[in-house]
Amino acid sequence: MGAASALAAVVLEHAAQAESVCDSVVPSENPSGAWWLPPSSLTSLRALASRLDELQRAVDGADAAPSPDARAGFALAKSAVEAGLAAWERLSGETLSGLNAELAAAGEPPLARVK
């Protein structure tokens, strides 16, 4: 395997890790054509954002304090969100640093960290 092929394999591996953490919707010709696809993981950032959005709508749509169900839902979501954010921090921290080191060794520019 040549150096370019080895680097491509490393980049693809990191891209797969990013996809598993983020679970972004793959762009298509019709931008609204993939909204219905469910998240591939319940711990992805996409799934967690959807979960928090549903909780927010439930709380904001009520004319009273958050219900016991809404409070319980938040408590359950909180640990999942913390785990999802920890996965993002690993990906955008040490994992990205490792990839950038490999890119630098190959003479390629580094990737910037998304905040």
Protein backbone atom coordinates (compact mmCIF):
# COMPACT_ATOMS: atom_id res chain seq x y z
CA MET A 1 0.00 0.00 0.00
CA GLY A 2 1.44 3.37 -1.01
CA ALA A 3 1.72 6.37 1.28
CA ALA A 4 -1.25 8.07 -0.38
CA SER A 5 -3.39 4.96 0.02
CA ALA A 6 -2.39 4.60 3.67
CA LEU A 7 -3.23 8.25 4.32
CA ALA A 8 -6.56 7.88 2.52
CA ALA A 9 -7.38 4.88 4.72
CA VAL A 10 -6.58 6.88 7.86
CA VAL A 11 -8.74 9.80 6.70
CA LEU A 12 -11.63 7.46 5.87
CA GLU A 13 -11.34 5.81 9.28
CA HIS A 14 -11.54 9.19 10.99
CA ALA A 15 -14.46 10.21 8.78
CA ALA A 16 -16.33 7.08 9.87
CA GLN A 17 -15.65 7.94 13.51
CA ALA A 18 -16.98 11.46 12.94
CA GLU A 19 -20.09 10.08 11.24
CA SER A 20 -20.79 7.73 14.15
CA VAL A 21 -20.58 10.62 16.64
CA CYS A 22 -22.46 13.21 14.58
CA ASP A 23 -24.77 11.11 12.38
CA SER A 24 -25.26 13.90 9.90
CA VAL A 25 -27.75 13.55 7.10
CA VAL A 26 -26.06 12.85 3.78
CA PRO A 27 -26.70 15.73 1.37
CA SER A 28 -28.85 14.93 -1.61
CA GLU A 29 -30.11 16.77 -4.68
CA ASN A 30 -33.30 17.51 -2.76
CA PRO A 31 -32.20 19.16 0.52
CA SER A 32 -35.42 18.19 2.27
CA GLY A 33 -35.37 14.64 0.95
CA ALA A 34 -33.53 12.97 3.85
CA TRP A 35 -35.17 14.57 6.90
CA TRP A 36 -37.29 11.49 7.54
CA LEU A 37 -34.34 9.14 7.90
CA PRO A 38 -33.98 8.14 11.55
CA PRO A 39 -30.66 8.60 13.33
CA SER A 40 -28.44 5.54 13.09
CA SER A 41 -27.60 5.77 16.81
CA LEU A 42 -29.54 7.06 19.79
CA THR A 43 -26.34 8.55 21.20
CA SER A 44 -25.34 10.54 18.10
CA LEU A 45 -25.36 14.32 18.30
CA ARG A 46 -28.19 14.39 15.77
CA ALA A 47 -30.36 12.05 17.87
CA LEU A 48 -29.57 13.94 21.05
CA ALA A 49 -30.42 17.29 19.45
CA SER A 50 -33.75 15.87 18.32
CA ARG A 51 -34.43 14.48 21.79
CA LEU A 52 -33.71 17.81 23.47
CA ASP A 53 -35.81 19.64 20.87
CA GLU A 54 -38.78 17.39 21.67
CA LEU A 55 -38.34 18.04 25.40
CA GLN A 56 -38.14 21.78 24.79
CA ARG A 57 -41.36 21.75 22.75
CA ALA A 58 -43.12 19.75 25.48
CA VAL A 59 -42.04 22.20 28.18
CA ASP A 60 -42.54 25.38 26.14
CA GLY A 61 -45.95 24.21 24.92
CA ALA A 62 -47.35 23.86 28.43
CA ASP A 63 -48.98 26.66 30.38
CA ALA A 64 -47.50 25.40 33.63
CA ALA A 65 -44.24 24.31 35.17
CA PRO A 66 -42.57 21.28 33.57
CA SER A 67 -44.49 18.10 34.26
CA PRO A 68 -42.97 15.17 36.17
CA ASP A 69 -42.71 13.34 32.83
CA ALA A 70 -40.80 16.23 31.27
CA ARG A 71 -38.46 16.38 34.28
CA ALA A 72 -37.89 12.62 34.08
CA GLY A 73 -37.26 12.89 30.34
CA PHE A 74 -34.67 15.58 30.93
CA ALA A 75 -32.96 13.51 33.62
CA LEU A 76 -32.73 10.57 31.23
CA ALA A 77 -31.52 12.74 28.37
CA LYS A 78 -28.90 14.50 30.50
CA SER A 79 -26.59 11.49 30.86
CA ALA A 80 -26.95 10.64 27.17
CA VAL A 81 -26.12 14.24 26.23
CA GLU A 82 -23.08 14.22 28.51
CA ALA A 83 -21.87 11.00 26.86
CA GLY A 84 -22.49 12.43 23.38
CA LEU A 85 -20.61 15.63 24.21
CA ALA A 86 -17.72 13.60 25.67
CA ALA A 87 -17.55 11.62 22.41
CA TRP A 88 -17.48 14.90 20.47
CA GLU A 89 -14.71 16.28 22.68
CA ARG A 90 -12.63 13.12 22.10
CA LEU A 91 -13.25 13.30 18.36
CA SER A 92 -12.48 17.00 18.04
CA GLY A 93 -9.58 16.81 20.49
CA GLU A 94 -7.26 13.82 20.66
CA THR A 95 -8.66 12.06 17.59
CA LEU A 96 -8.33 15.18 15.44
CA SER A 97 -4.84 15.81 16.83
CA GLY A 98 -3.81 12.30 15.81
CA LEU A 99 -5.21 12.77 12.33
CA ASN A 100 -3.50 16.15 11.98
CA ALA A 101 -0.19 14.57 13.01
CA GLU A 102 -0.60 11.97 10.25
CA LEU A 103 -1.53 14.68 7.74
CA ALA A 104 1.50 16.77 8.74
CA ALA A 105 3.78 13.73 8.36
CA ALA A 106 2.42 13.35 4.82
CA GLY A 107 2.97 17.04 4.06
CA GLU A 108 -0.72 17.87 4.06
CA PRO A 109 -2.38 20.81 5.84
CA PRO A 110 -4.14 20.16 9.15
CA LEU A 111 -7.89 20.15 9.65
CA ALA A 112 -9.33 22.89 11.85
CA ARG A 113 -11.31 22.08 14.98
CA VAL A 114 -15.00 22.91 14.69
CA LYS A 115 -16.35 24.53 17.84
